[in-house]
N, C-alpha and C. Protein backbone atom coordinates (compact mmCIF):
# COMPACT_ATOMS: atom_id res chain seq x y z
N MET A 1 127.89 13.01 255.07
CA MET A 1 127.54 13.28 253.69
C MET A 1 128.54 12.61 252.77
N ASP A 2 128.05 11.90 251.76
CA ASP A 2 128.90 11.21 250.80
C ASP A 2 129.28 12.20 249.70
N THR A 3 130.57 12.46 249.55
CA THR A 3 131.01 13.45 248.55
C THR A 3 131.52 12.80 247.28
N ARG A 4 131.43 11.46 247.19
CA ARG A 4 131.86 10.80 245.95
C ARG A 4 130.91 11.17 244.82
N SER A 5 131.48 11.37 243.66
CA SER A 5 130.63 11.68 242.52
C SER A 5 130.16 10.39 241.87
N THR A 6 128.97 10.44 241.32
CA THR A 6 128.45 9.28 240.59
C THR A 6 128.44 9.62 239.12
N MET A 7 128.72 8.62 238.32
CA MET A 7 128.79 8.83 236.89
C MET A 7 127.42 8.56 236.27
N CYS A 8 127.06 9.36 235.33
CA CYS A 8 125.80 9.21 234.63
C CYS A 8 126.10 8.70 233.23
N GLU A 9 125.64 7.49 232.93
CA GLU A 9 125.84 6.93 231.60
C GLU A 9 124.55 7.04 230.80
N PHE A 10 124.66 7.51 229.59
CA PHE A 10 123.50 7.75 228.75
C PHE A 10 123.27 6.65 227.75
N LYS A 11 122.01 6.43 227.43
CA LYS A 11 121.62 5.66 226.26
C LYS A 11 121.40 6.69 225.17
N VAL A 12 121.95 6.45 224.00
CA VAL A 12 121.86 7.41 222.90
C VAL A 12 120.89 6.89 221.84
N PHE A 13 119.97 7.75 221.48
CA PHE A 13 118.95 7.41 220.49
C PHE A 13 119.04 8.35 219.31
N VAL A 14 118.81 7.82 218.13
CA VAL A 14 118.55 8.64 216.95
C VAL A 14 117.07 8.43 216.68
N GLY A 15 116.30 9.47 217.01
CA GLY A 15 114.85 9.31 217.02
C GLY A 15 114.47 8.32 218.10
N ASP A 16 113.80 7.23 217.71
CA ASP A 16 113.41 6.19 218.66
C ASP A 16 114.37 5.00 218.67
N ARG A 17 115.39 5.03 217.81
CA ARG A 17 116.30 3.89 217.65
C ARG A 17 117.52 4.03 218.57
N LEU A 18 117.75 3.04 219.42
CA LEU A 18 118.91 3.01 220.31
C LEU A 18 120.16 2.72 219.48
N VAL A 19 121.18 3.60 219.57
CA VAL A 19 122.38 3.43 218.76
C VAL A 19 123.65 3.20 219.57
N PHE A 20 123.65 3.51 220.88
CA PHE A 20 124.86 3.37 221.69
C PHE A 20 124.45 3.47 223.16
N GLU A 21 125.14 2.72 224.03
CA GLU A 21 124.82 2.73 225.45
C GLU A 21 126.05 3.04 226.30
N ASP A 22 125.81 3.36 227.56
CA ASP A 22 126.86 3.63 228.54
C ASP A 22 127.76 4.80 228.13
N VAL A 23 127.17 5.79 227.49
CA VAL A 23 127.92 6.95 226.99
C VAL A 23 128.18 7.94 228.12
N ILE A 24 129.44 8.35 228.22
CA ILE A 24 129.82 9.34 229.24
C ILE A 24 130.34 10.63 228.62
N TYR A 25 130.45 10.67 227.28
CA TYR A 25 131.00 11.85 226.60
C TYR A 25 130.29 12.01 225.27
N ALA A 26 129.87 13.24 224.95
CA ALA A 26 129.24 13.54 223.66
C ALA A 26 129.63 14.94 223.24
N ARG A 27 129.92 15.09 221.95
CA ARG A 27 130.28 16.41 221.42
C ARG A 27 129.82 16.51 219.97
N GLU A 28 129.24 17.66 219.63
CA GLU A 28 128.92 17.97 218.23
C GLU A 28 130.12 18.63 217.61
N GLU A 29 130.45 18.21 216.40
CA GLU A 29 131.60 18.79 215.72
C GLU A 29 131.41 18.65 214.21
N GLY A 30 131.26 19.76 213.54
CA GLY A 30 131.21 19.76 212.08
C GLY A 30 130.19 18.83 211.45
N GLY A 31 128.95 18.85 211.93
CA GLY A 31 127.90 18.03 211.32
C GLY A 31 127.91 16.58 211.76
N ARG A 32 128.63 16.28 212.82
CA ARG A 32 128.64 14.91 213.35
C ARG A 32 128.64 14.97 214.87
N VAL A 33 128.28 13.86 215.48
CA VAL A 33 128.30 13.75 216.93
C VAL A 33 129.32 12.66 217.29
N ILE A 34 130.23 13.00 218.18
CA ILE A 34 131.25 12.07 218.64
C ILE A 34 130.85 11.60 220.04
N LEU A 35 130.82 10.28 220.23
CA LEU A 35 130.41 9.68 221.49
C LEU A 35 131.52 8.77 222.01
N ARG A 36 131.59 8.66 223.33
CA ARG A 36 132.54 7.74 223.95
C ARG A 36 131.86 7.08 225.14
N ASP A 37 132.04 5.75 225.28
CA ASP A 37 131.40 5.04 226.38
C ASP A 37 132.37 4.84 227.55
N VAL A 38 131.90 4.18 228.60
CA VAL A 38 132.68 4.01 229.83
C VAL A 38 133.95 3.18 229.61
N LEU A 39 133.98 2.36 228.57
CA LEU A 39 135.16 1.54 228.27
C LEU A 39 136.11 2.23 227.30
N GLY A 40 135.75 3.44 226.86
CA GLY A 40 136.60 4.19 225.94
C GLY A 40 136.30 3.95 224.48
N GLU A 41 135.31 3.11 224.19
CA GLU A 41 134.92 2.89 222.79
C GLU A 41 134.34 4.18 222.24
N ARG A 42 134.70 4.50 221.02
CA ARG A 42 134.28 5.75 220.39
C ARG A 42 133.38 5.45 219.19
N LYS A 43 132.38 6.30 219.01
CA LYS A 43 131.48 6.16 217.87
C LYS A 43 131.21 7.54 217.32
N GLU A 44 131.27 7.69 216.01
CA GLU A 44 130.94 8.95 215.35
C GLU A 44 129.72 8.75 214.49
N LEU A 45 128.78 9.67 214.62
CA LEU A 45 127.55 9.62 213.82
C LEU A 45 127.50 10.86 212.95
N SER A 46 127.65 10.66 211.65
CA SER A 46 127.63 11.78 210.71
C SER A 46 126.21 12.23 210.44
N GLY A 47 126.07 13.51 210.16
CA GLY A 47 124.76 14.06 209.81
C GLY A 47 123.78 14.09 210.96
N CYS A 48 124.29 14.18 212.19
CA CYS A 48 123.42 14.21 213.37
C CYS A 48 123.72 15.44 214.22
N ARG A 49 122.74 15.76 215.06
CA ARG A 49 122.93 16.83 216.04
C ARG A 49 122.22 16.44 217.32
N ILE A 50 122.68 16.99 218.44
CA ILE A 50 122.08 16.70 219.74
C ILE A 50 120.84 17.57 219.91
N VAL A 51 119.70 16.93 220.22
CA VAL A 51 118.46 17.69 220.40
C VAL A 51 117.89 17.61 221.81
N GLU A 52 118.31 16.60 222.59
CA GLU A 52 117.79 16.49 223.95
C GLU A 52 118.79 15.75 224.83
N VAL A 53 118.99 16.28 226.03
CA VAL A 53 119.79 15.62 227.06
C VAL A 53 118.89 15.54 228.29
N ASP A 54 118.56 14.31 228.70
CA ASP A 54 117.68 14.10 229.84
C ASP A 54 118.45 13.30 230.89
N VAL A 55 119.02 13.99 231.87
CA VAL A 55 119.84 13.34 232.89
C VAL A 55 119.00 12.41 233.74
N GLN A 56 117.82 12.82 234.11
CA GLN A 56 116.96 12.00 234.96
C GLN A 56 116.64 10.66 234.30
N SER A 57 116.42 10.65 233.00
CA SER A 57 116.11 9.41 232.27
C SER A 57 117.35 8.80 231.63
N THR A 58 118.49 9.43 231.78
CA THR A 58 119.77 9.02 231.18
C THR A 58 119.64 8.76 229.68
N ARG A 59 118.97 9.70 229.02
CA ARG A 59 118.76 9.63 227.57
C ARG A 59 119.42 10.81 226.88
N LEU A 60 120.08 10.53 225.79
CA LEU A 60 120.64 11.55 224.91
C LEU A 60 120.03 11.29 223.54
N VAL A 61 119.29 12.26 223.03
CA VAL A 61 118.56 12.07 221.78
C VAL A 61 119.20 12.91 220.68
N LEU A 62 119.44 12.26 219.55
CA LEU A 62 120.01 12.92 218.39
C LEU A 62 118.97 12.97 217.28
N ALA A 63 119.13 13.92 216.39
CA ALA A 63 118.29 14.00 215.20
C ALA A 63 119.20 13.99 213.99
N GLU A 64 118.73 13.33 212.94
CA GLU A 64 119.49 13.32 211.70
C GLU A 64 119.24 14.63 210.96
N GLU A 65 120.30 15.22 210.46
CA GLU A 65 120.20 16.43 209.67
C GLU A 65 119.67 16.07 208.29
N ARG A 66 118.86 16.92 207.74
CA ARG A 66 118.31 16.65 206.39
C ARG A 66 118.77 17.69 205.44
């Protein structure tokens, strides 16, 4: 049995628009979503919230707050 863990990298969408790829970290904080990819690049999206995490499809979907 292989006990090595595999990393799941997400494609991040705001609605249907792809905004960031290879994301391994996401957190909601004070009306924004903070994302980090496999290379350590960080992106903050203001006025957004996480609405769906689909591991099987490696999709993370955000919605803009109104």
